PDB file of N, CA and C in Angstrom:
ATOM      1  N   UNK A   1      -6.737   4.647 -23.761  1.00  0.00           N
ATOM      2  CA  UNK A   1      -6.983   4.882 -22.145  1.00  0.00           C
ATOM      3  C   UNK A   1      -5.975   5.967 -21.274  1.00  0.00           C
ATOM      4  N   UNK A   2      -6.557   6.906 -20.734  1.00  0.00           N
ATOM      5  CA  UNK A   2      -5.901   8.312 -20.479  1.00  0.00           C
ATOM      6  C   UNK A   2      -5.927   8.453 -18.516  1.00  0.00           C
ATOM      7  N   UNK A   3      -5.371   8.725 -18.958  1.00  0.00           N
ATOM      8  CA  UNK A   3      -4.920   9.105 -16.970  1.00  0.00           C
ATOM      9  C   UNK A   3      -4.492  10.432 -16.490  1.00  0.00           C
ATOM     10  N   UNK A   4      -4.969  11.228 -16.949  1.00  0.00           N
ATOM     11  CA  UNK A   4      -4.770  12.751 -16.453  1.00  0.00           C
ATOM     12  C   UNK A   4      -4.563  13.254 -15.283  1.00  0.00           C
ATOM     13  N   UNK A   5      -4.141  12.331 -13.966  1.00  0.00           N
ATOM     14  CA  UNK A   5      -4.005  12.851 -13.106  1.00  0.00           C
ATOM     15  C   UNK A   5      -1.914  12.714 -12.955  1.00  0.00           C
ATOM     16  N   UNK A   6      -2.053  10.827 -13.599  1.00  0.00           N
ATOM     17  CA  UNK A   6      -0.264  10.387 -14.026  1.00  0.00           C
ATOM     18  C   UNK A   6       0.097  11.312 -14.570  1.00  0.00           C
ATOM     19  N   UNK A   7      -0.692  12.044 -15.876  1.00  0.00           N
ATOM     20  CA  UNK A   7      -0.467  13.200 -17.305  1.00  0.00           C
ATOM     21  C   UNK A   7       0.353  14.132 -16.657  1.00  0.00           C
ATOM     22  N   UNK A   8      -0.480  14.717 -15.456  1.00  0.00           N
ATOM     23  CA  UNK A   8       0.084  15.848 -14.648  1.00  0.00           C
ATOM     24  C   UNK A   8       1.558  15.821 -14.070  1.00  0.00           C
ATOM     25  N   UNK A   9       1.163  14.637 -13.380  1.00  0.00           N
ATOM     26  CA  UNK A   9       2.280  14.209 -12.850  1.00  0.00           C
ATOM     27  C   UNK A   9       3.259  14.202 -13.737  1.00  0.00           C
ATOM     28  N   UNK A  10       3.582  13.495 -13.891  1.00  0.00           N
ATOM     29  CA  UNK A  10       4.065  12.811 -15.439  1.00  0.00           C
ATOM     30  C   UNK A  10       4.989  14.500 -16.109  1.00  0.00           C
ATOM     31  N   UNK A  11       4.005  14.991 -16.362  1.00  0.00           N
ATOM     32  CA  UNK A  11       5.413  16.186 -16.598  1.00  0.00           C
ATOM     33  C   UNK A  11       5.747  17.629 -15.596  1.00  0.00           C
ATOM     34  N   UNK A  12       5.489  16.369 -15.092  1.00  0.00           N
ATOM     35  CA  UNK A  12       6.621  17.545 -13.662  1.00  0.00           C
ATOM     36  C   UNK A  12       8.424  16.894 -13.573  1.00  0.00           C
ATOM     37  N   UNK A  13       7.910  14.949 -14.505  1.00  0.00           N
ATOM     38  CA  UNK A  13       9.530  14.751 -14.188  1.00  0.00           C
ATOM     39  C   UNK A  13      10.513  14.732 -15.282  1.00  0.00           C
ATOM     40  N   UNK A  14      11.639  14.357 -14.588  1.00  0.00           N
ATOM     41  CA  UNK A  14      12.601  15.236 -15.122  1.00  0.00           C
ATOM     42  C   UNK A  14      12.766  14.423 -16.992  1.00  0.00           C
ATOM     43  N   UNK A  15      12.760  13.589 -16.424  1.00  0.00           N
ATOM     44  CA  UNK A  15      12.146  11.920 -17.667  1.00  0.00           C
ATOM     45  C   UNK A  15      11.854  11.675 -17.286  1.00  0.00           C
ATOM     46  N   UNK A  16      10.209  12.157 -18.004  1.00  0.00           N
ATOM     47  CA  UNK A  16       9.208  10.827 -18.795  1.00  0.00           C
ATOM     48  C   UNK A  16       8.899  10.655 -19.016  1.00  0.00           C
ATOM     49  N   UNK A  17       7.803   9.719 -18.380  1.00  0.00           N
ATOM     50  CA  UNK A  17       7.292   8.332 -18.774  1.00  0.00           C
ATOM     51  C   UNK A  17       6.583   8.260 -19.888  1.00  0.00           C
ATOM     52  N   UNK A  18       7.435   7.246 -21.040  1.00  0.00           N
ATOM     53  CA  UNK A  18       5.876   7.274 -21.452  1.00  0.00           C
ATOM     54  C   UNK A  18       4.144   6.438 -21.746  1.00  0.00           C
ATOM     55  N   UNK A  19       3.673   7.091 -22.932  1.00  0.00           N
ATOM     56  CA  UNK A  19       2.138   6.734 -22.351  1.00  0.00           C
ATOM     57  C   UNK A  19       2.205   5.099 -21.238  1.00  0.00           C
ATOM     58  N   UNK A  20       2.670   4.193 -22.750  1.00  0.00           N
ATOM     59  CA  UNK A  20       2.537   2.607 -22.168  1.00  0.00           C
ATOM     60  C   UNK A  20       3.436   2.616 -21.189  1.00  0.00           C
ATOM     61  N   UNK A  21       4.278   3.621 -20.360  1.00  0.00           N
ATOM     62  CA  UNK A  21       4.308   3.131 -19.476  1.00  0.00           C
ATOM     63  C   UNK A  21       4.098   3.667 -17.956  1.00  0.00           C
ATOM     64  N   UNK A  22       3.261   4.524 -18.112  1.00  0.00           N
ATOM     65  CA  UNK A  22       1.686   5.873 -17.121  1.00  0.00           C
ATOM     66  C   UNK A  22       1.311   4.048 -17.482  1.00  0.00           C
ATOM     67  N   UNK A  23       0.148   3.360 -17.803  1.00  0.00           N
ATOM     68  CA  UNK A  23      -0.343   2.487 -18.500  1.00  0.00           C
ATOM     69  C   UNK A  23      -0.241   0.892 -17.571  1.00  0.00           C
ATOM     70  N   UNK A  24       1.267   1.233 -17.520  1.00  0.00           N
ATOM     71  CA  UNK A  24       1.517   0.007 -17.134  1.00  0.00           C
ATOM     72  C   UNK A  24       1.270   0.301 -14.988  1.00  0.00           C
ATOM     73  N   UNK A  25       2.002   1.217 -14.936  1.00  0.00           N
ATOM     74  CA  UNK A  25       3.020   1.377 -13.419  1.00  0.00           C
ATOM     75  C   UNK A  25       0.804   1.677 -13.429  1.00  0.00           C
ATOM     76  N   UNK A  26       0.264   2.052 -13.972  1.00  0.00           N
ATOM     77  CA  UNK A  26      -1.313   2.201 -13.151  1.00  0.00           C
ATOM     78  C   UNK A  26      -2.072   0.460 -13.516  1.00  0.00           C
ATOM     79  N   UNK A  27      -1.762  -0.875 -14.560  1.00  0.00           N
ATOM     80  CA  UNK A  27      -2.410  -1.492 -13.798  1.00  0.00           C
ATOM     81  C   UNK A  27      -1.563  -2.282 -12.695  1.00  0.00           C
ATOM     82  N   UNK A  28      -0.557  -2.093 -12.671  1.00  0.00           N
ATOM     83  CA  UNK A  28       0.360  -2.392 -10.929  1.00  0.00           C
ATOM     84  C   UNK A  28      -0.054  -2.199  -9.611  1.00  0.00           C
ATOM     85  N   UNK A  29      -0.462  -0.912  -9.977  1.00  0.00           N
ATOM     86  CA  UNK A  29      -0.663  -0.176  -8.300  1.00  0.00           C
ATOM     87  C   UNK A  29      -2.319  -0.321  -8.637  1.00  0.00           C
ATOM     88  N   UNK A  30      -3.363  -0.505  -9.384  1.00  0.00           N
ATOM     89  CA  UNK A  30      -4.362  -0.880  -9.311  1.00  0.00           C
ATOM     90  C   UNK A  30      -5.531  -2.618  -9.250  1.00  0.00           C
ATOM     91  N   UNK A  31      -4.597  -2.885  -9.675  1.00  0.00           N
ATOM     92  CA  UNK A  31      -4.730  -4.028  -8.546  1.00  0.00           C
ATOM     93  C   UNK A  31      -4.926  -4.955  -7.212  1.00  0.00           C
ATOM     94  N   UNK A  32      -6.484  -5.161  -7.281  1.00  0.00           N
ATOM     95  CA  UNK A  32      -6.066  -5.326  -5.785  1.00  0.00           C
ATOM     96  C   UNK A  32      -6.096  -6.373  -5.237  1.00  0.00           C
ATOM     97  N   UNK A  33      -5.540  -7.666  -5.815  1.00  0.00           N
ATOM     98  CA  UNK A  33      -4.608  -8.558  -4.864  1.00  0.00           C
ATOM     99  C   UNK A  33      -3.078  -9.008  -4.260  1.00  0.00           C
ATOM    100  N   UNK A  34      -2.492  -7.322  -4.422  1.00  0.00           N
ATOM    101  CA  UNK A  34      -1.051  -7.519  -4.280  1.00  0.00           C
ATOM    102  C   UNK A  34      -1.102  -6.162  -2.844  1.00  0.00           C
ATOM    103  N   UNK A  35      -0.623  -7.146  -1.346  1.00  0.00           N
ATOM    104  CA  UNK A  35      -0.941  -6.254  -0.482  1.00  0.00           C
ATOM    105  C   UNK A  35      -1.748  -7.043   0.520  1.00  0.00           C
ATOM    106  N   UNK A  36      -1.281  -5.968   1.827  1.00  0.00           N
ATOM    107  CA  UNK A  36      -2.086  -6.378   2.859  1.00  0.00           C
ATOM    108  C   UNK A  36      -3.141  -4.907   3.241  1.00  0.00           C
ATOM    109  N   UNK A  37      -3.988  -4.747   3.132  1.00  0.00           N
ATOM    110  CA  UNK A  37      -5.242  -4.221   3.106  1.00  0.00           C
ATOM    111  C   UNK A  37      -5.498  -4.375   4.712  1.00  0.00           C
ATOM    112  N   UNK A  38      -5.224  -2.836   5.350  1.00  0.00           N
ATOM    113  CA  UNK A  38      -4.961  -2.256   7.000  1.00  0.00           C
ATOM    114  C   UNK A  38      -5.961  -1.121   7.025  1.00  0.00           C
ATOM    115  N   UNK A  39      -6.488  -1.508   8.106  1.00  0.00           N
ATOM    116  CA  UNK A  39      -7.254  -0.518   7.921  1.00  0.00           C
ATOM    117  C   UNK A  39      -7.318   0.462   9.063  1.00  0.00           C
ATOM    118  N   UNK A  40      -6.411   1.687   9.025  1.00  0.00           N
ATOM    119  CA  UNK A  40      -6.130   1.693  10.264  1.00  0.00           C
ATOM    120  C   UNK A  40      -7.134   3.654  10.929  1.00  0.00           C
ATOM    121  N   UNK A  41      -8.430   3.446  10.132  1.00  0.00           N
ATOM    122  CA  UNK A  41      -9.360   4.556  10.819  1.00  0.00           C
ATOM    123  C   UNK A  41      -9.477   4.101  12.515  1.00  0.00           C
ATOM    124  N   UNK A  42      -9.721   5.230  13.272  1.00  0.00           N
ATOM    125  CA  UNK A  42     -10.253   5.008  14.044  1.00  0.00           C
ATOM    126  C   UNK A  42      -9.077   4.549  15.188  1.00  0.00           C
ATOM    127  N   UNK A  43      -7.280   4.019  14.638  1.00  0.00           N
ATOM    128  CA  UNK A  43      -6.564   3.526  15.750  1.00  0.00           C
ATOM    129  C   UNK A  43      -5.455   4.979  15.468  1.00  0.00           C
ATOM    130  N   UNK A  44      -4.846   4.322  17.196  1.00  0.00           N
ATOM    131  CA  UNK A  44      -3.363   4.882  16.846  1.00  0.00           C
ATOM    132  C   UNK A  44      -2.234   4.124  16.421  1.00  0.00           C
ATOM    133  N   UNK A  45      -1.011   5.219  16.432  1.00  0.00           N
ATOM    134  CA  UNK A  45      -0.378   4.602  15.512  1.00  0.00           C
ATOM    135  C   UNK A  45       0.660   3.671  15.996  1.00  0.00           C
ATOM    136  N   UNK A  46       0.633   2.709  17.288  1.00  0.00           N
ATOM    137  CA  UNK A  46       0.473   1.650  18.298  1.00  0.00           C
ATOM    138  C   UNK A  46      -0.186   0.968  17.790  1.00  0.00           C
ATOM    139  N   UNK A  47      -1.338   0.665  17.752  1.00  0.00           N
ATOM    140  CA  UNK A  47      -2.041  -0.487  16.504  1.00  0.00           C
ATOM    141  C   UNK A  47      -1.903  -0.547  15.453  1.00  0.00           C
ATOM    142  N   UNK A  48      -1.930   0.352  14.592  1.00  0.00           N
ATOM    143  CA  UNK A  48      -1.022  -0.023  13.695  1.00  0.00           C
ATOM    144  C   UNK A  48      -0.453  -0.795  12.992  1.00  0.00           C
ATOM    145  N   UNK A  49       0.661  -0.091  13.915  1.00  0.00           N
ATOM    146  CA  UNK A  49       2.467  -0.864  13.695  1.00  0.00           C
ATOM    147  C   UNK A  49       2.030  -2.595  14.493  1.00  0.00           C
ATOM    148  N   UNK A  50       1.090  -2.439  14.800  1.00  0.00           N
ATOM    149  CA  UNK A  50       1.429  -3.917  15.702  1.00  0.00           C
ATOM    150  C   UNK A  50       0.668  -4.953  14.868  1.00  0.00           C
ATOM    151  N   UNK A  51      -0.381  -4.511  14.113  1.00  0.00           N
ATOM    152  CA  UNK A  51      -1.383  -5.331  13.305  1.00  0.00           C
ATOM    153  C   UNK A  51      -0.217  -5.304  12.573  1.00  0.00           C
ATOM    154  N   UNK A  52       0.640  -3.932  11.591  1.00  0.00           N
ATOM    155  CA  UNK A  52       1.761  -4.582  10.060  1.00  0.00           C
ATOM    156  C   UNK A  52       2.521  -5.666  11.028  1.00  0.00           C
ATOM    157  N   UNK A  53       3.229  -5.626  12.096  1.00  0.00           N
ATOM    158  CA  UNK A  53       3.969  -6.504  12.805  1.00  0.00           C
ATOM    159  C   UNK A  53       3.700  -8.252  12.976  1.00  0.00           C
ATOM    160  N   UNK A  54       2.258  -8.511  13.082  1.00  0.00           N
ATOM    161  CA  UNK A  54       1.825  -8.846  13.394  1.00  0.00           C
ATOM    162  C   UNK A  54       1.702 -10.010  11.825  1.00  0.00           C
ATOM    163  N   UNK A  55       2.194 -10.039  10.370  1.00  0.00           N
ATOM    164  CA  UNK A  55       1.640  -9.963   8.687  1.00  0.00           C
ATOM    165  C   UNK A  55       3.688 -10.986   8.897  1.00  0.00           C
ATOM    166  N   UNK A  56       4.497  -9.983  10.005  1.00  0.00           N
ATOM    167  CA  UNK A  56       5.765 -10.660   9.549  1.00  0.00           C
ATOM    168  C   UNK A  56       5.998 -11.469   9.732  1.00  0.00           C
ATOM    169  N   UNK A  57       5.996 -12.850   8.953  1.00  0.00           N
ATOM    170  CA  UNK A  57       7.336 -13.873  10.055  1.00  0.00           C
ATOM    171  C   UNK A  57       7.951 -13.946  10.731  1.00  0.00           C
ATOM    172  N   UNK A  58       7.183 -14.705  11.866  1.00  0.00           N
ATOM    173  CA  UNK A  58       8.497 -15.127  13.491  1.00  0.00           C
ATOM    174  C   UNK A  58       9.698 -16.198  13.006  1.00  0.00           C
ATOM    175  N   UNK A  59      10.789 -15.822  13.510  1.00  0.00           N
ATOM    176  CA  UNK A  59      12.066 -16.144  12.652  1.00  0.00           C
ATOM    177  C   UNK A  59      12.287 -17.856  13.759  1.00  0.00           C
TER     178      UNK A  59
END
């Protein structure tokens, strides 16, 4: 499996990643079950921040 965009970026790194590392990073960041999706279209900065804050547990 090739990831051309990641390969291009990798070529500009001082310490390039191995192909296996590129694939592992791609697998990690493409998982749909990590993080919280927040729709930001047509929202003000305040609305976005308020929504982000709503996910932070209160003490």
